[in-house]
N, C-alpha and C. Protein backbone atom coordinates (compact mmCIF):
# COMPACT_ATOMS: atom_id res chain seq x y z
N MET A 1 -1.91 14.91 3.94
CA MET A 1 -2.63 13.67 3.77
C MET A 1 -1.64 12.55 3.44
N LYS A 2 -1.63 11.51 4.21
CA LYS A 2 -0.72 10.39 4.01
C LYS A 2 -1.39 9.33 3.14
N GLU A 3 -0.69 8.93 2.08
CA GLU A 3 -1.21 7.90 1.20
C GLU A 3 -0.77 6.53 1.69
N ASN A 4 -1.65 5.57 1.60
CA ASN A 4 -1.29 4.19 1.90
C ASN A 4 -1.01 3.49 0.58
N ILE A 5 0.26 3.38 0.25
CA ILE A 5 0.67 2.75 -0.99
C ILE A 5 1.26 1.39 -0.66
N GLU A 6 0.77 0.36 -1.32
CA GLU A 6 1.33 -0.98 -1.14
C GLU A 6 2.38 -1.19 -2.21
N TYR A 7 3.55 -1.59 -1.80
CA TYR A 7 4.65 -1.83 -2.72
C TYR A 7 4.83 -3.33 -2.90
N GLN A 8 4.66 -3.81 -4.11
CA GLN A 8 4.83 -5.23 -4.37
C GLN A 8 6.32 -5.61 -4.35
N TYR A 9 7.15 -4.72 -4.83
CA TYR A 9 8.59 -4.99 -4.89
C TYR A 9 9.34 -3.87 -4.19
N ARG A 10 10.29 -4.23 -3.37
CA ARG A 10 11.19 -3.24 -2.76
C ARG A 10 12.51 -3.36 -3.51
N VAL A 11 12.85 -2.30 -4.20
CA VAL A 11 14.04 -2.34 -5.06
C VAL A 11 15.15 -1.52 -4.40
N ARG A 12 16.11 -2.23 -3.86
CA ARG A 12 17.27 -1.57 -3.25
C ARG A 12 18.54 -1.88 -4.02
N LEU A 13 18.47 -2.88 -4.89
CA LEU A 13 19.59 -3.27 -5.72
C LEU A 13 19.09 -3.48 -7.15
N VAL A 14 19.97 -3.36 -8.11
CA VAL A 14 19.61 -3.53 -9.51
C VAL A 14 18.98 -4.90 -9.74
N LYS A 15 19.48 -5.91 -9.07
CA LYS A 15 18.95 -7.26 -9.29
C LYS A 15 17.48 -7.37 -8.88
N TYR A 16 17.04 -6.58 -7.90
CA TYR A 16 15.64 -6.64 -7.49
C TYR A 16 14.72 -6.01 -8.55
N LEU A 17 15.22 -4.99 -9.21
CA LEU A 17 14.45 -4.39 -10.31
C LEU A 17 14.33 -5.41 -11.44
N GLY A 18 15.40 -6.10 -11.73
CA GLY A 18 15.37 -7.14 -12.75
C GLY A 18 14.40 -8.25 -12.40
N LYS A 19 14.37 -8.64 -11.15
CA LYS A 19 13.45 -9.68 -10.70
C LYS A 19 12.00 -9.24 -10.85
N ALA A 20 11.71 -7.98 -10.53
CA ALA A 20 10.35 -7.46 -10.69
C ALA A 20 9.92 -7.49 -12.16
N ILE A 21 10.83 -7.11 -13.04
CA ILE A 21 10.54 -7.13 -14.47
C ILE A 21 10.33 -8.57 -14.94
N GLN A 22 11.19 -9.47 -14.51
CA GLN A 22 11.09 -10.87 -14.92
C GLN A 22 9.78 -11.50 -14.43
N GLU A 23 9.44 -11.30 -13.17
CA GLU A 23 8.22 -11.89 -12.62
C GLU A 23 6.97 -11.32 -13.29
N THR A 24 6.95 -10.03 -13.54
CA THR A 24 5.80 -9.42 -14.19
C THR A 24 5.66 -9.92 -15.62
N LYS A 25 6.77 -10.05 -16.31
CA LYS A 25 6.76 -10.58 -17.68
C LYS A 25 6.16 -11.99 -17.69
N LYS A 26 6.57 -12.81 -16.74
CA LYS A 26 6.06 -14.18 -16.66
C LYS A 26 4.57 -14.20 -16.34
N LYS A 27 4.13 -13.33 -15.43
CA LYS A 27 2.70 -13.26 -15.09
C LYS A 27 1.86 -12.89 -16.30
N LYS A 28 2.43 -12.09 -17.18
CA LYS A 28 1.73 -11.68 -18.39
C LYS A 28 1.92 -12.70 -19.53
N LYS A 29 2.58 -13.82 -19.19
CA LYS A 29 2.83 -14.90 -20.15
C LYS A 29 3.57 -14.40 -21.39
N MET A 30 4.58 -13.58 -21.14
CA MET A 30 5.40 -13.03 -22.21
C MET A 30 6.78 -13.67 -22.19
N MET A 31 7.37 -13.75 -23.35
CA MET A 31 8.75 -14.21 -23.48
C MET A 31 9.63 -12.96 -23.60
N GLN A 32 10.92 -13.13 -23.39
CA GLN A 32 11.84 -12.00 -23.58
C GLN A 32 11.72 -11.46 -25.00
N SER A 33 11.54 -12.34 -25.96
CA SER A 33 11.43 -11.88 -27.36
C SER A 33 10.18 -11.05 -27.58
N ASP A 34 9.09 -11.38 -26.90
CA ASP A 34 7.85 -10.58 -27.00
C ASP A 34 8.10 -9.17 -26.48
N LEU A 35 8.73 -9.09 -25.30
CA LEU A 35 9.00 -7.79 -24.70
C LEU A 35 9.98 -6.99 -25.55
N ALA A 36 10.96 -7.67 -26.13
CA ALA A 36 11.93 -7.01 -27.01
C ALA A 36 11.21 -6.40 -28.22
N ASP A 37 10.30 -7.16 -28.81
CA ASP A 37 9.55 -6.66 -29.97
C ASP A 37 8.71 -5.43 -29.61
N ILE A 38 8.04 -5.49 -28.47
CA ILE A 38 7.17 -4.39 -28.04
C ILE A 38 7.95 -3.13 -27.74
N THR A 39 9.13 -3.29 -27.15
CA THR A 39 9.89 -2.14 -26.66
C THR A 39 11.01 -1.68 -27.59
N GLY A 40 11.29 -2.45 -28.62
CA GLY A 40 12.37 -2.07 -29.53
C GLY A 40 13.75 -2.27 -28.91
N THR A 41 13.83 -3.14 -27.93
CA THR A 41 15.12 -3.46 -27.31
C THR A 41 15.51 -4.87 -27.76
N SER A 42 16.64 -5.34 -27.30
CA SER A 42 17.09 -6.67 -27.68
C SER A 42 16.82 -7.68 -26.56
N VAL A 43 16.76 -8.94 -26.94
CA VAL A 43 16.61 -10.01 -25.94
C VAL A 43 17.80 -9.99 -24.99
N LYS A 44 18.99 -9.72 -25.51
CA LYS A 44 20.18 -9.65 -24.65
C LYS A 44 20.03 -8.55 -23.59
N PHE A 45 19.51 -7.39 -24.00
CA PHE A 45 19.32 -6.31 -23.03
C PHE A 45 18.34 -6.74 -21.94
N ILE A 46 17.23 -7.34 -22.34
CA ILE A 46 16.24 -7.78 -21.36
C ILE A 46 16.84 -8.84 -20.43
N SER A 47 17.60 -9.75 -20.98
CA SER A 47 18.27 -10.75 -20.17
C SER A 47 19.22 -10.10 -19.17
N ASP A 48 19.98 -9.11 -19.62
CA ASP A 48 20.90 -8.38 -18.73
C ASP A 48 20.14 -7.71 -17.59
N VAL A 49 19.02 -7.07 -17.92
CA VAL A 49 18.22 -6.39 -16.89
C VAL A 49 17.69 -7.42 -15.89
N GLU A 50 17.14 -8.50 -16.39
CA GLU A 50 16.56 -9.52 -15.50
C GLU A 50 17.61 -10.16 -14.60
N ARG A 51 18.84 -10.25 -15.08
CA ARG A 51 19.93 -10.81 -14.26
C ARG A 51 20.52 -9.78 -13.30
N GLY A 52 20.09 -8.53 -13.42
CA GLY A 52 20.58 -7.51 -12.51
C GLY A 52 21.92 -6.92 -12.90
N LYS A 53 22.24 -6.96 -14.18
CA LYS A 53 23.50 -6.38 -14.64
C LYS A 53 23.54 -4.91 -14.26
N GLU A 54 24.59 -4.49 -13.62
CA GLU A 54 24.65 -3.14 -13.06
C GLU A 54 24.96 -2.06 -14.08
N THR A 55 25.22 -2.43 -15.31
CA THR A 55 25.51 -1.42 -16.33
C THR A 55 24.33 -1.21 -17.27
N ILE A 56 23.13 -1.56 -16.82
CA ILE A 56 21.96 -1.41 -17.67
C ILE A 56 21.71 0.06 -17.99
N GLN A 57 21.04 0.29 -19.10
CA GLN A 57 20.70 1.65 -19.52
C GLN A 57 19.33 2.00 -18.95
N MET A 58 19.30 3.00 -18.10
CA MET A 58 18.06 3.34 -17.40
C MET A 58 16.95 3.77 -18.35
N ASP A 59 17.26 4.49 -19.41
CA ASP A 59 16.21 4.94 -20.32
C ASP A 59 15.49 3.74 -20.93
N LYS A 60 16.23 2.74 -21.34
CA LYS A 60 15.62 1.53 -21.90
C LYS A 60 14.89 0.74 -20.81
N THR A 61 15.40 0.76 -19.60
CA THR A 61 14.75 0.06 -18.50
C THR A 61 13.39 0.66 -18.22
N PHE A 62 13.29 1.98 -18.28
CA PHE A 62 11.99 2.63 -18.09
C PHE A 62 11.01 2.26 -19.20
N VAL A 63 11.51 2.05 -20.40
CA VAL A 63 10.66 1.58 -21.50
C VAL A 63 10.09 0.20 -21.15
N LEU A 64 10.93 -0.69 -20.60
CA LEU A 64 10.46 -2.01 -20.19
C LEU A 64 9.40 -1.90 -19.11
N LEU A 65 9.65 -1.06 -18.12
CA LEU A 65 8.69 -0.89 -17.02
C LEU A 65 7.34 -0.42 -17.55
N ARG A 66 7.35 0.58 -18.43
CA ARG A 66 6.09 1.09 -19.00
C ARG A 66 5.37 0.01 -19.80
N ALA A 67 6.10 -0.76 -20.57
CA ALA A 67 5.50 -1.81 -21.41
C ALA A 67 4.84 -2.89 -20.55
N LEU A 68 5.37 -3.12 -19.36
CA LEU A 68 4.82 -4.12 -18.46
C LEU A 68 3.78 -3.55 -17.50
N GLY A 69 3.54 -2.24 -17.58
CA GLY A 69 2.57 -1.61 -16.69
C GLY A 69 3.09 -1.42 -15.28
N LEU A 70 4.41 -1.33 -15.13
CA LEU A 70 5.02 -1.11 -13.81
C LEU A 70 5.39 0.35 -13.64
N LYS A 71 5.35 0.82 -12.41
CA LYS A 71 5.78 2.18 -12.08
C LYS A 71 6.89 2.08 -11.05
N LEU A 72 7.80 3.01 -11.10
CA LEU A 72 8.91 3.05 -10.16
C LEU A 72 8.75 4.28 -9.28
N TYR A 73 8.70 4.06 -7.97
CA TYR A 73 8.59 5.15 -7.01
C TYR A 73 9.88 5.28 -6.24
N VAL A 74 10.30 6.48 -5.99
CA VAL A 74 11.47 6.74 -5.17
C VAL A 74 10.96 7.40 -3.89
N THR A 75 11.29 6.77 -2.76
CA THR A 75 10.80 7.28 -1.48
C THR A 75 11.97 7.41 -0.51
N PRO A 76 11.80 8.25 0.49
CA PRO A 76 12.85 8.34 1.52
C PRO A 76 12.98 7.00 2.23
N ASP A 77 14.17 6.68 2.64
CA ASP A 77 14.43 5.42 3.32
C ASP A 77 13.59 5.27 4.56
N SER A 78 13.23 6.36 5.21
CA SER A 78 12.49 6.30 6.46
C SER A 78 11.04 5.87 6.29
N ILE A 79 10.56 5.75 5.04
CA ILE A 79 9.17 5.36 4.84
C ILE A 79 8.87 3.98 5.44
N GLU A 80 9.86 3.09 5.44
CA GLU A 80 9.65 1.77 6.04
C GLU A 80 9.39 1.85 7.52
N ASN A 81 9.94 2.84 8.15
CA ASN A 81 9.78 2.98 9.59
C ASN A 81 8.43 3.60 9.95
N GLN A 82 7.69 4.09 8.97
CA GLN A 82 6.41 4.73 9.22
C GLN A 82 5.26 3.73 9.29
N ARG A 83 5.53 2.48 8.98
CA ARG A 83 4.47 1.46 9.00
C ARG A 83 4.30 0.87 10.36
């Protein structure tokens, strides 16, 4: 059974993941400091993630994603060709 999943963000680079986090945070009318308080991370870390810093810590990044209600899916590259 093939699922039809709509992907709002296509993340192929770290900066795209940061952009998804930043845009979702803004849609929820949150500041970096709000997200830092909720997740126990620092404003600097959130800023680094949003800017696409390539040395981000994935465990903390997943905490940000969960706090914003985002999920990360990993799919084979060929999935784009199936549409």
